[in-house]
Amino acid sequence: MQNWWISYFPILLIFLIFFLNRKESLSYLEARIKRRKGDREMQELAKRFLGKDVIANTISSGTVDGILKEVADNAIILEKDGKESLVNLDFVIRLREYPVGKNGKRKSIVVD
């Protein structure tokens, strides 16, 4: 009768899964409420970079770069090679100027 824990293990596993899902859903709801209000702080910080060549790191571990043209309604418009990209500021983690070398040209390799 030493195997009594086998019958309780699936029940504990189910409770653990429910707990983790609840935690994720609460964080999702908090982010959704914050988006509804709009993140004014990030908009104000992004306005500092208007007209500059920037790199925007997003939540999905992607990067978007280009010249920052406009900041409006919790989004930024980046232009690169004549094409415009629209990025939602809710998903931007980091916004910084594109590094340049000694001669003033963009660096080919950007290391964080």
Protein backbone atom coordinates (compact mmCIF):
# COMPACT_ATOMS: atom_id res chain seq x y z
CA MET A 1 0.00 0.00 0.00
CA GLN A 2 2.92 2.38 -0.57
CA ASN A 3 1.47 3.51 -3.90
CA TRP A 4 -1.30 5.71 -2.50
CA TRP A 5 0.40 8.83 -3.88
CA ILE A 6 -0.23 7.65 -7.46
CA SER A 7 -3.96 8.24 -7.04
CA TYR A 8 -3.42 11.80 -5.69
CA PHE A 9 -0.78 12.87 -8.22
CA PRO A 10 -3.22 13.55 -11.14
CA ILE A 11 -5.44 15.62 -8.86
CA LEU A 12 -2.49 17.74 -7.74
CA LEU A 13 -1.39 18.12 -11.35
CA ILE A 14 -4.83 19.39 -12.37
CA PHE A 15 -4.83 21.96 -9.54
CA LEU A 16 -1.36 23.11 -10.59
CA ILE A 17 -2.49 23.60 -14.19
CA PHE A 18 -5.56 25.58 -13.08
CA PHE A 19 -3.40 27.77 -10.85
CA LEU A 20 -0.95 28.57 -13.66
CA ASN A 21 -3.77 29.33 -16.11
CA ARG A 22 -5.41 31.66 -13.61
CA LYS A 23 -2.14 33.50 -13.07
CA GLU A 24 -1.69 33.95 -16.85
CA SER A 25 -5.25 35.12 -17.32
CA LEU A 26 -4.88 37.71 -14.53
CA SER A 27 -1.73 39.11 -16.11
CA TYR A 28 -3.52 39.20 -19.49
CA LEU A 29 -6.43 41.12 -17.96
CA GLU A 30 -4.09 43.62 -16.33
CA ALA A 31 -2.35 44.23 -19.65
CA ARG A 32 -5.69 44.62 -21.41
CA ILE A 33 -6.88 47.21 -18.89
CA LYS A 34 -3.60 49.08 -19.24
CA ARG A 35 -3.98 49.08 -23.05
CA ARG A 36 -7.50 50.43 -22.78
CA LYS A 37 -6.24 53.38 -20.77
CA GLY A 38 -3.22 53.83 -23.03
CA ASP A 39 0.37 53.95 -21.90
CA ARG A 40 1.02 57.69 -21.87
CA GLU A 41 4.51 57.31 -20.41
CA MET A 42 5.78 55.25 -23.35
CA GLN A 43 4.22 57.71 -25.80
CA GLU A 44 6.00 60.63 -24.16
CA LEU A 45 9.30 58.76 -24.19
CA ALA A 46 8.85 57.77 -27.84
CA LYS A 47 8.28 61.42 -28.79
CA ARG A 48 11.88 62.12 -27.76
CA PHE A 49 13.07 60.02 -30.71
CA LEU A 50 11.03 61.72 -33.46
CA GLY A 51 13.09 62.02 -36.64
CA LYS A 52 15.84 59.70 -35.36
CA ASP A 53 16.90 56.27 -36.56
CA VAL A 54 15.66 53.83 -33.88
CA ILE A 55 15.42 50.14 -32.99
CA ALA A 56 12.25 48.93 -31.26
CA ASN A 57 12.41 45.57 -29.44
CA THR A 58 9.01 43.89 -29.09
CA ILE A 59 7.58 41.30 -26.72
CA SER A 60 7.81 38.56 -29.32
CA SER A 61 11.62 38.98 -29.33
CA GLY A 62 11.48 40.74 -32.66
CA THR A 63 13.08 44.01 -33.62
CA VAL A 64 11.84 46.73 -35.91
CA ASP A 65 14.09 49.53 -37.07
CA GLY A 66 13.74 52.67 -39.12
CA ILE A 67 13.29 56.40 -38.81
CA LEU A 68 10.60 57.33 -36.29
CA LYS A 69 8.11 59.51 -38.16
CA GLU A 70 5.10 59.79 -35.87
CA VAL A 71 3.76 58.85 -32.43
CA ALA A 72 -0.03 58.71 -32.26
CA ASP A 73 -2.74 56.75 -30.42
CA ASN A 74 -0.34 54.43 -28.61
CA ALA A 75 1.47 53.47 -31.81
CA ILE A 76 4.61 54.52 -33.65
CA ILE A 77 5.22 54.79 -37.38
CA LEU A 78 8.68 53.78 -38.57
CA GLU A 79 9.93 54.36 -42.11
CA LYS A 80 12.66 52.26 -43.72
CA ASP A 81 13.54 52.16 -47.42
CA GLY A 82 10.40 54.11 -48.31
CA LYS A 83 8.11 51.62 -46.54
CA GLU A 84 6.26 52.40 -43.34
CA SER A 85 5.80 50.08 -40.37
CA LEU A 86 3.25 50.57 -37.64
CA VAL A 87 4.13 49.22 -34.19
CA ASN A 88 1.81 49.15 -31.18
CA LEU A 89 3.54 50.67 -28.14
CA ASP A 90 1.83 48.14 -25.84
CA PHE A 91 4.16 45.49 -27.23
CA VAL A 92 7.38 47.54 -27.31
CA ILE A 93 9.83 46.62 -24.57
CA ARG A 94 12.78 48.75 -25.56
CA LEU A 95 13.21 51.74 -27.84
CA ARG A 96 16.67 53.10 -28.59
CA GLU A 97 18.69 54.97 -31.18
CA TYR A 98 20.40 52.89 -33.81
CA PRO A 99 24.14 52.74 -33.02
CA VAL A 100 26.50 54.39 -35.49
CA GLY A 101 30.19 53.89 -36.11
CA LYS A 102 33.03 56.44 -36.19
CA ASN A 103 32.21 57.51 -39.73
CA GLY A 104 28.54 58.16 -38.90
CA LYS A 105 27.13 55.11 -40.67
CA ARG A 106 24.93 52.45 -39.10
CA LYS A 107 26.73 49.55 -37.49
CA SER A 108 26.13 46.26 -39.28
CA ILE A 109 26.11 44.22 -36.07
CA VAL A 110 24.13 45.44 -33.06
CA VAL A 111 25.13 43.72 -29.81
CA ASP A 112 23.08 44.25 -26.66
